Amino acid sequence: MNKIDSTYMYQTFEDLDLDIDMIEEEGGLESGGDDWMEVISYITGKDAYDSDSFTKEDLILIEEFISVMDENGLELY
C-alpha cells in the first residue's frame, strides 16, 4: 500500500495531468466530478464507478487521500 502524503497527492494530480494550480485556486475537487473519480481509480487501481468492488483497504486509502487534501487546504466539495 502506498504511503499517502502530500508528495503522493501532488504526484497523483501530476500523473493524471490534472491542473494543480486550478485545483488549488478552486480549493479542491468536486465530489463525484470526473477529476475526483480519476483520482479514486488511480489510487485504488479499480473503476471508481464500481464502488461495490472496493475493499476496506481501498476505502482507507480514499479516506487518507481526503485527509491529506484537507491538511493541504484542499476540500472535496
PDB file of N, CA and C in Angstrom:
ATOM      1  N   MET A   1       0.842  -1.175   0.000  1.00  0.00           N
ATOM      2  CA  MET A   1       0.000   0.000   0.000  1.00  0.00           C
ATOM      3  C   MET A   1       0.889   1.240   0.000  1.00  0.00           C
ATOM      4  N   ASN A   2       0.507   2.212  -0.816  1.00  0.00           N
ATOM      5  CA  ASN A   2       1.281   3.451  -0.922  1.00  0.00           C
ATOM      6  C   ASN A   2       1.083   4.309   0.319  1.00  0.00           C
ATOM      7  N   LYS A   3       2.140   5.033   0.676  1.00  0.00           N
ATOM      8  CA  LYS A   3       2.025   5.996   1.763  1.00  0.00           C
ATOM      9  C   LYS A   3       1.356   7.238   1.203  1.00  0.00           C
ATOM     10  N   ILE A   4       0.233   7.595   1.806  1.00  0.00           N
ATOM     11  CA  ILE A   4      -0.493   8.767   1.347  1.00  0.00           C
ATOM     12  C   ILE A   4       0.031   9.978   2.120  1.00  0.00           C
ATOM     13  N   ASP A   5       0.723  10.851   1.419  1.00  0.00           N
ATOM     14  CA  ASP A   5       1.211  12.106   1.991  1.00  0.00           C
ATOM     15  C   ASP A   5       1.072  13.176   0.913  1.00  0.00           C
ATOM     16  N   SER A   6       1.494  14.387   1.206  1.00  0.00           N
ATOM     17  CA  SER A   6       1.305  15.471   0.239  1.00  0.00           C
ATOM     18  C   SER A   6       2.105  15.226  -1.041  1.00  0.00           C
ATOM     19  N   THR A   7       3.273  14.608  -0.939  1.00  0.00           N
ATOM     20  CA  THR A   7       4.050  14.294  -2.137  1.00  0.00           C
ATOM     21  C   THR A   7       3.260  13.333  -3.030  1.00  0.00           C
ATOM     22  N   TYR A   8       2.693  12.295  -2.431  1.00  0.00           N
ATOM     23  CA  TYR A   8       1.900  11.324  -3.187  1.00  0.00           C
ATOM     24  C   TYR A   8       0.677  12.010  -3.799  1.00  0.00           C
ATOM     25  N   MET A   9       0.028  12.877  -3.026  1.00  0.00           N
ATOM     26  CA  MET A   9      -1.161  13.573  -3.525  1.00  0.00           C
ATOM     27  C   MET A   9      -0.823  14.407  -4.758  1.00  0.00           C
ATOM     28  N   TYR A  10       0.212  15.234  -4.653  1.00  0.00           N
ATOM     29  CA  TYR A  10       0.572  16.086  -5.787  1.00  0.00           C
ATOM     30  C   TYR A  10       1.088  15.258  -6.966  1.00  0.00           C
ATOM     31  N   GLN A  11       1.792  14.158  -6.682  1.00  0.00           N
ATOM     32  CA  GLN A  11       2.262  13.283  -7.752  1.00  0.00           C
ATOM     33  C   GLN A  11       1.075  12.633  -8.467  1.00  0.00           C
ATOM     34  N   THR A  12       0.039  12.283  -7.710  1.00  0.00           N
ATOM     35  CA  THR A  12      -1.176  11.719  -8.306  1.00  0.00           C
ATOM     36  C   THR A  12      -1.810  12.721  -9.253  1.00  0.00           C
ATOM     37  N   PHE A  13      -1.956  13.965  -8.798  1.00  0.00           N
ATOM     38  CA  PHE A  13      -2.526  15.010  -9.660  1.00  0.00           C
ATOM     39  C   PHE A  13      -1.690  15.162 -10.929  1.00  0.00           C
ATOM     40  N   GLU A  14      -0.367  15.168 -10.751  1.00  0.00           N
ATOM     41  CA  GLU A  14       0.528  15.336 -11.901  1.00  0.00           C
ATOM     42  C   GLU A  14       0.426  14.139 -12.854  1.00  0.00           C
ATOM     43  N   ASP A  15       0.436  12.931 -12.303  1.00  0.00           N
ATOM     44  CA  ASP A  15       0.355  11.724 -13.132  1.00  0.00           C
ATOM     45  C   ASP A  15      -0.935  11.683 -13.948  1.00  0.00           C
ATOM     46  N   LEU A  16      -1.997  12.249 -13.399  1.00  0.00           N
ATOM     47  CA  LEU A  16      -3.292  12.267 -14.079  1.00  0.00           C
ATOM     48  C   LEU A  16      -3.469  13.504 -14.957  1.00  0.00           C
ATOM     49  N   ASP A  17      -2.419  14.314 -15.071  1.00  0.00           N
ATOM     50  CA  ASP A  17      -2.454  15.551 -15.855  1.00  0.00           C
ATOM     51  C   ASP A  17      -3.559  16.498 -15.394  1.00  0.00           C
ATOM     52  N   LEU A  18      -3.794  16.516 -14.083  1.00  0.00           N
ATOM     53  CA  LEU A  18      -4.768  17.454 -13.523  1.00  0.00           C
ATOM     54  C   LEU A  18      -4.060  18.782 -13.280  1.00  0.00           C
ATOM     55  N   ASP A  19      -4.770  19.862 -13.464  1.00  0.00           N
ATOM     56  CA  ASP A  19      -4.216  21.204 -13.306  1.00  0.00           C
ATOM     57  C   ASP A  19      -4.131  21.538 -11.815  1.00  0.00           C
ATOM     58  N   ILE A  20      -2.933  21.352 -11.264  1.00  0.00           N
ATOM     59  CA  ILE A  20      -2.728  21.561  -9.835  1.00  0.00           C
ATOM     60  C   ILE A  20      -3.059  22.991  -9.437  1.00  0.00           C
ATOM     61  N   ASP A  21      -2.673  23.952 -10.270  1.00  0.00           N
ATOM     62  CA  ASP A  21      -2.960  25.358  -9.958  1.00  0.00           C
ATOM     63  C   ASP A  21      -4.465  25.601  -9.881  1.00  0.00           C
ATOM     64  N   MET A  22      -5.218  25.001 -10.798  1.00  0.00           N
ATOM     65  CA  MET A  22      -6.662  25.184 -10.791  1.00  0.00           C
ATOM     66  C   MET A  22      -7.289  24.508  -9.567  1.00  0.00           C
ATOM     67  N   ILE A  23      -6.791  23.336  -9.214  1.00  0.00           N
ATOM     68  CA  ILE A  23      -7.305  22.639  -8.030  1.00  0.00           C
ATOM     69  C   ILE A  23      -7.086  23.503  -6.795  1.00  0.00           C
ATOM     70  N   GLU A  24      -5.889  24.075  -6.679  1.00  0.00           N
ATOM     71  CA  GLU A  24      -5.597  24.937  -5.532  1.00  0.00           C
ATOM     72  C   GLU A  24      -6.434  26.205  -5.566  1.00  0.00           C
ATOM     73  N   GLU A  25      -6.619  26.778  -6.756  1.00  0.00           N
ATOM     74  CA  GLU A  25      -7.414  28.002  -6.893  1.00  0.00           C
ATOM     75  C   GLU A  25      -8.868  27.752  -6.496  1.00  0.00           C
ATOM     76  N   GLU A  26      -9.396  26.591  -6.893  1.00  0.00           N
ATOM     77  CA  GLU A  26     -10.779  26.245  -6.575  1.00  0.00           C
ATOM     78  C   GLU A  26     -10.916  25.689  -5.158  1.00  0.00           C
ATOM     79  N   GLY A  27      -9.796  25.386  -4.521  1.00  0.00           N
ATOM     80  CA  GLY A  27      -9.813  24.913  -3.146  1.00  0.00           C
ATOM     81  C   GLY A  27     -10.055  23.427  -3.002  1.00  0.00           C
ATOM     82  N   GLY A  28      -9.995  22.696  -4.101  1.00  0.00           N
ATOM     83  CA  GLY A  28     -10.163  21.247  -4.007  1.00  0.00           C
ATOM     84  C   GLY A  28     -10.785  20.664  -5.247  1.00  0.00           C
ATOM     85  N   LEU A  29     -11.423  19.507  -5.062  1.00  0.00           N
ATOM     86  CA  LEU A  29     -12.044  18.791  -6.161  1.00  0.00           C
ATOM     87  C   LEU A  29     -13.520  18.554  -5.880  1.00  0.00           C
ATOM     88  N   GLU A  30     -14.294  18.495  -6.935  1.00  0.00           N
ATOM     89  CA  GLU A  30     -15.726  18.249  -6.811  1.00  0.00           C
ATOM     90  C   GLU A  30     -15.973  16.757  -6.578  1.00  0.00           C
ATOM     91  N   SER A  31     -16.659  16.447  -5.491  1.00  0.00           N
ATOM     92  CA  SER A  31     -17.014  15.067  -5.194  1.00  0.00           C
ATOM     93  C   SER A  31     -17.914  14.535  -6.308  1.00  0.00           C
ATOM     94  N   GLY A  32     -17.529  13.413  -6.874  1.00  0.00           N
ATOM     95  CA  GLY A  32     -18.299  12.844  -7.972  1.00  0.00           C
ATOM     96  C   GLY A  32     -17.922  13.390  -9.327  1.00  0.00           C
ATOM     97  N   GLY A  33     -17.074  14.431  -9.344  1.00  0.00           N
ATOM     98  CA  GLY A  33     -16.611  15.001 -10.605  1.00  0.00           C
ATOM     99  C   GLY A  33     -15.621  14.072 -11.292  1.00  0.00           C
ATOM    100  N   ASP A  34     -15.433  14.278 -12.575  1.00  0.00           N
ATOM    101  CA  ASP A  34     -14.536  13.420 -13.356  1.00  0.00           C
ATOM    102  C   ASP A  34     -13.124  13.365 -12.774  1.00  0.00           C
ATOM    103  N   ASP A  35     -12.594  14.523 -12.357  1.00  0.00           N
ATOM    104  CA  ASP A  35     -11.231  14.548 -11.823  1.00  0.00           C
ATOM    105  C   ASP A  35     -11.130  13.706 -10.552  1.00  0.00           C
ATOM    106  N   TRP A  36     -12.103  13.856  -9.658  1.00  0.00           N
ATOM    107  CA  TRP A  36     -12.078  13.095  -8.406  1.00  0.00           C
ATOM    108  C   TRP A  36     -12.218  11.601  -8.689  1.00  0.00           C
ATOM    109  N   MET A  37     -13.071  11.238  -9.626  1.00  0.00           N
ATOM    110  CA  MET A  37     -13.260   9.832  -9.951  1.00  0.00           C
ATOM    111  C   MET A  37     -11.976   9.241 -10.552  1.00  0.00           C
ATOM    112  N   GLU A  38     -11.248  10.048 -11.316  1.00  0.00           N
ATOM    113  CA  GLU A  38      -9.952   9.607 -11.838  1.00  0.00           C
ATOM    114  C   GLU A  38      -8.973   9.350 -10.699  1.00  0.00           C
ATOM    115  N   VAL A  39      -8.979  10.238  -9.712  1.00  0.00           N
ATOM    116  CA  VAL A  39      -8.095  10.071  -8.550  1.00  0.00           C
ATOM    117  C   VAL A  39      -8.425   8.761  -7.836  1.00  0.00           C
ATOM    118  N   ILE A  40      -9.705   8.510  -7.602  1.00  0.00           N
ATOM    119  CA  ILE A  40     -10.105   7.280  -6.920  1.00  0.00           C
ATOM    120  C   ILE A  40      -9.629   6.056  -7.702  1.00  0.00           C
ATOM    121  N   SER A  41      -9.837   6.060  -9.012  1.00  0.00           N
ATOM    122  CA  SER A  41      -9.396   4.932  -9.832  1.00  0.00           C
ATOM    123  C   SER A  41      -7.882   4.765  -9.762  1.00  0.00           C
ATOM    124  N   TYR A  42      -7.174   5.885  -9.772  1.00  0.00           N
ATOM    125  CA  TYR A  42      -5.710   5.856  -9.736  1.00  0.00           C
ATOM    126  C   TYR A  42      -5.198   5.260  -8.426  1.00  0.00           C
ATOM    127  N   ILE A  43      -5.735   5.732  -7.298  1.00  0.00           N
ATOM    128  CA  ILE A  43      -5.184   5.293  -6.013  1.00  0.00           C
ATOM    129  C   ILE A  43      -5.642   3.892  -5.622  1.00  0.00           C
ATOM    130  N   THR A  44      -6.792   3.453  -6.130  1.00  0.00           N
ATOM    131  CA  THR A  44      -7.276   2.109  -5.787  1.00  0.00           C
ATOM    132  C   THR A  44      -6.933   1.081  -6.857  1.00  0.00           C
ATOM    133  N   GLY A  45      -6.699   1.550  -8.087  1.00  0.00           N
ATOM    134  CA  GLY A  45      -6.465   0.629  -9.185  1.00  0.00           C
ATOM    135  C   GLY A  45      -7.749  -0.036  -9.654  1.00  0.00           C
ATOM    136  N   LYS A  46      -8.884   0.557  -9.275  1.00  0.00           N
ATOM    137  CA  LYS A  46     -10.190  -0.009  -9.625  1.00  0.00           C
ATOM    138  C   LYS A  46     -11.064   1.048 -10.275  1.00  0.00           C
ATOM    139  N   ASP A  47     -12.131   0.607 -10.911  1.00  0.00           N
ATOM    140  CA  ASP A  47     -13.091   1.508 -11.533  1.00  0.00           C
ATOM    141  C   ASP A  47     -13.832   2.269 -10.435  1.00  0.00           C
ATOM    142  N   ALA A  48     -13.668   3.585 -10.424  1.00  0.00           N
ATOM    143  CA  ALA A  48     -14.282   4.412  -9.390  1.00  0.00           C
ATOM    144  C   ALA A  48     -15.807   4.357  -9.441  1.00  0.00           C
ATOM    145  N   TYR A  49     -16.341   4.012 -10.586  1.00  0.00           N
ATOM    146  CA  TYR A  49     -17.796   3.973 -10.732  1.00  0.00           C
ATOM    147  C   TYR A  49     -18.388   2.634 -10.304  1.00  0.00           C
ATOM    148  N   ASP A  50     -17.535   1.703  -9.874  1.00  0.00           N
ATOM    149  CA  ASP A  50     -17.984   0.403  -9.395  1.00  0.00           C
ATOM    150  C   ASP A  50     -17.614   0.270  -7.922  1.00  0.00           C
ATOM    151  N   SER A  51     -18.281   1.041  -7.082  1.00  0.00           N
ATOM    152  CA  SER A  51     -17.934   1.092  -5.665  1.00  0.00           C
ATOM    153  C   SER A  51     -18.134  -0.254  -4.962  1.00  0.00           C
ATOM    154  N   ASP A  52     -18.914  -1.142  -5.541  1.00  0.00           N
ATOM    155  CA  ASP A  52     -19.110  -2.465  -4.935  1.00  0.00           C
ATOM    156  C   ASP A  52     -17.814  -3.269  -4.908  1.00  0.00           C
ATOM    157  N   SER A  53     -16.865  -2.915  -5.779  1.00  0.00           N
ATOM    158  CA  SER A  53     -15.605  -3.664  -5.842  1.00  0.00           C
ATOM    159  C   SER A  53     -14.583  -3.176  -4.814  1.00  0.00           C
ATOM    160  N   PHE A  54     -14.871  -2.074  -4.119  1.00  0.00           N
ATOM    161  CA  PHE A  54     -13.912  -1.527  -3.158  1.00  0.00           C
ATOM    162  C   PHE A  54     -13.831  -2.393  -1.907  1.00  0.00           C
ATOM    163  N   THR A  55     -12.601  -2.605  -1.473  1.00  0.00           N
ATOM    164  CA  THR A  55     -12.360  -3.317  -0.224  1.00  0.00           C
ATOM    165  C   THR A  55     -12.231  -2.297   0.902  1.00  0.00           C
ATOM    166  N   LYS A  56     -12.147  -2.800   2.109  1.00  0.00           N
ATOM    167  CA  LYS A  56     -11.932  -1.925   3.263  1.00  0.00           C
ATOM    168  C   LYS A  56     -10.636  -1.128   3.089  1.00  0.00           C
ATOM    169  N   GLU A  57      -9.605  -1.794   2.551  1.00  0.00           N
ATOM    170  CA  GLU A  57      -8.312  -1.134   2.335  1.00  0.00           C
ATOM    171  C   GLU A  57      -8.440   0.001   1.314  1.00  0.00           C
ATOM    172  N   ASP A  58      -9.251  -0.218   0.274  1.00  0.00           N
ATOM    173  CA  ASP A  58      -9.473   0.838  -0.721  1.00  0.00           C
ATOM    174  C   ASP A  58     -10.118   2.052  -0.071  1.00  0.00           C
ATOM    175  N   LEU A  59     -11.112   1.797   0.758  1.00  0.00           N
ATOM    176  CA  LEU A  59     -11.809   2.896   1.429  1.00  0.00           C
ATOM    177  C   LEU A  59     -10.890   3.646   2.374  1.00  0.00           C
ATOM    178  N   ILE A  60      -9.982   2.926   3.025  1.00  0.00           N
ATOM    179  CA  ILE A  60      -8.994   3.572   3.897  1.00  0.00           C
ATOM    180  C   ILE A  60      -8.075   4.465   3.075  1.00  0.00           C
ATOM    181  N   LEU A  61      -7.623   3.981   1.905  1.00  0.00           N
ATOM    182  CA  LEU A  61      -6.780   4.794   1.017  1.00  0.00           C
ATOM    183  C   LEU A  61      -7.490   6.084   0.622  1.00  0.00           C
ATOM    184  N   ILE A  62      -8.749   5.959   0.251  1.00  0.00           N
ATOM    185  CA  ILE A  62      -9.528   7.135  -0.161  1.00  0.00           C
ATOM    186  C   ILE A  62      -9.656   8.108   1.000  1.00  0.00           C
ATOM    187  N   GLU A  63      -9.963   7.595   2.195  1.00  0.00           N
ATOM    188  CA  GLU A  63     -10.077   8.460   3.377  1.00  0.00           C
ATOM    189  C   GLU A  63      -8.756   9.150   3.677  1.00  0.00           C
ATOM    190  N   GLU A  64      -7.654   8.420   3.569  1.00  0.00           N
ATOM    191  CA  GLU A  64      -6.341   9.017   3.827  1.00  0.00           C
ATOM    192  C   GLU A  64      -6.026  10.094   2.797  1.00  0.00           C
ATOM    193  N   PHE A  65      -6.376   9.856   1.540  1.00  0.00           N
ATOM    194  CA  PHE A  65      -6.132  10.848   0.498  1.00  0.00           C
ATOM    195  C   PHE A  65      -6.922  12.117   0.795  1.00  0.00           C
ATOM    196  N   ILE A  66      -8.191  11.967   1.184  1.00  0.00           N
ATOM    197  CA  ILE A  66      -9.029  13.121   1.523  1.00  0.00           C
ATOM    198  C   ILE A  66      -8.438  13.865   2.715  1.00  0.00           C
ATOM    199  N   SER A  67      -7.953  13.131   3.698  1.00  0.00           N
ATOM    200  CA  SER A  67      -7.336  13.746   4.874  1.00  0.00           C
ATOM    201  C   SER A  67      -6.108  14.563   4.496  1.00  0.00           C
ATOM    202  N   VAL A  68      -5.272  14.035   3.602  1.00  0.00           N
ATOM    203  CA  VAL A  68      -4.081  14.764   3.150  1.00  0.00           C
ATOM    204  C   VAL A  68      -4.492  16.001   2.355  1.00  0.00           C
ATOM    205  N   MET A  69      -5.540  15.871   1.551  1.00  0.00           N
ATOM    206  CA  MET A  69      -6.052  17.057   0.847  1.00  0.00           C
ATOM    207  C   MET A  69      -6.448  18.127   1.862  1.00  0.00           C
ATOM    208  N   ASP A  70      -7.191  17.732   2.895  1.00  0.00           N
ATOM    209  CA  ASP A  70      -7.605  18.676   3.941  1.00  0.00           C
ATOM    210  C   ASP A  70      -6.411  19.351   4.596  1.00  0.00           C
ATOM    211  N   GLU A  71      -5.395  18.547   4.917  1.00  0.00           N
ATOM    212  CA  GLU A  71      -4.187  19.077   5.552  1.00  0.00           C
ATOM    213  C   GLU A  71      -3.485  20.104   4.672  1.00  0.00           C
ATOM    214  N   ASN A  72      -3.702  20.011   3.369  1.00  0.00           N
ATOM    215  CA  ASN A  72      -3.079  20.925   2.413  1.00  0.00           C
ATOM    216  C   ASN A  72      -4.041  22.013   1.925  1.00  0.00           C
ATOM    217  N   GLY A  73      -5.141  22.178   2.648  1.00  0.00           N
ATOM    218  CA  GLY A  73      -6.086  23.254   2.332  1.00  0.00           C
ATOM    219  C   GLY A  73      -6.978  22.971   1.149  1.00  0.00           C
ATOM    220  N   LEU A  74      -7.088  21.701   0.756  1.00  0.00           N
ATOM    221  CA  LEU A  74      -7.942  21.334  -0.375  1.00  0.00           C
ATOM    222  C   LEU A  74      -9.127  20.523   0.146  1.00  0.00           C
ATOM    223  N   GLU A  75     -10.290  20.832  -0.387  1.00  0.00           N
ATOM    224  CA  GLU A  75     -11.502  20.167   0.058  1.00  0.00           C
ATOM    225  C   GLU A  75     -12.068  19.275  -1.028  1.00  0.00           C
ATOM    226  N   LEU A  76     -12.903  18.373  -0.608  1.00  0.00           N
ATOM    227  CA  LEU A  76     -13.725  17.597  -1.517  1.00  0.00           C
ATOM    228  C   LEU A  76     -15.118  18.179  -1.346  1.00  0.00           C
ATOM    229  N   TYR A  77     -15.586  18.908  -2.355  1.00  0.00           N
ATOM    230  CA  TYR A  77     -16.858  19.605  -2.205  1.00  0.00           C
ATOM    231  C   TYR A  77     -17.922  19.060  -3.121  1.00  0.00           C
TER     232      TYR A  77
END
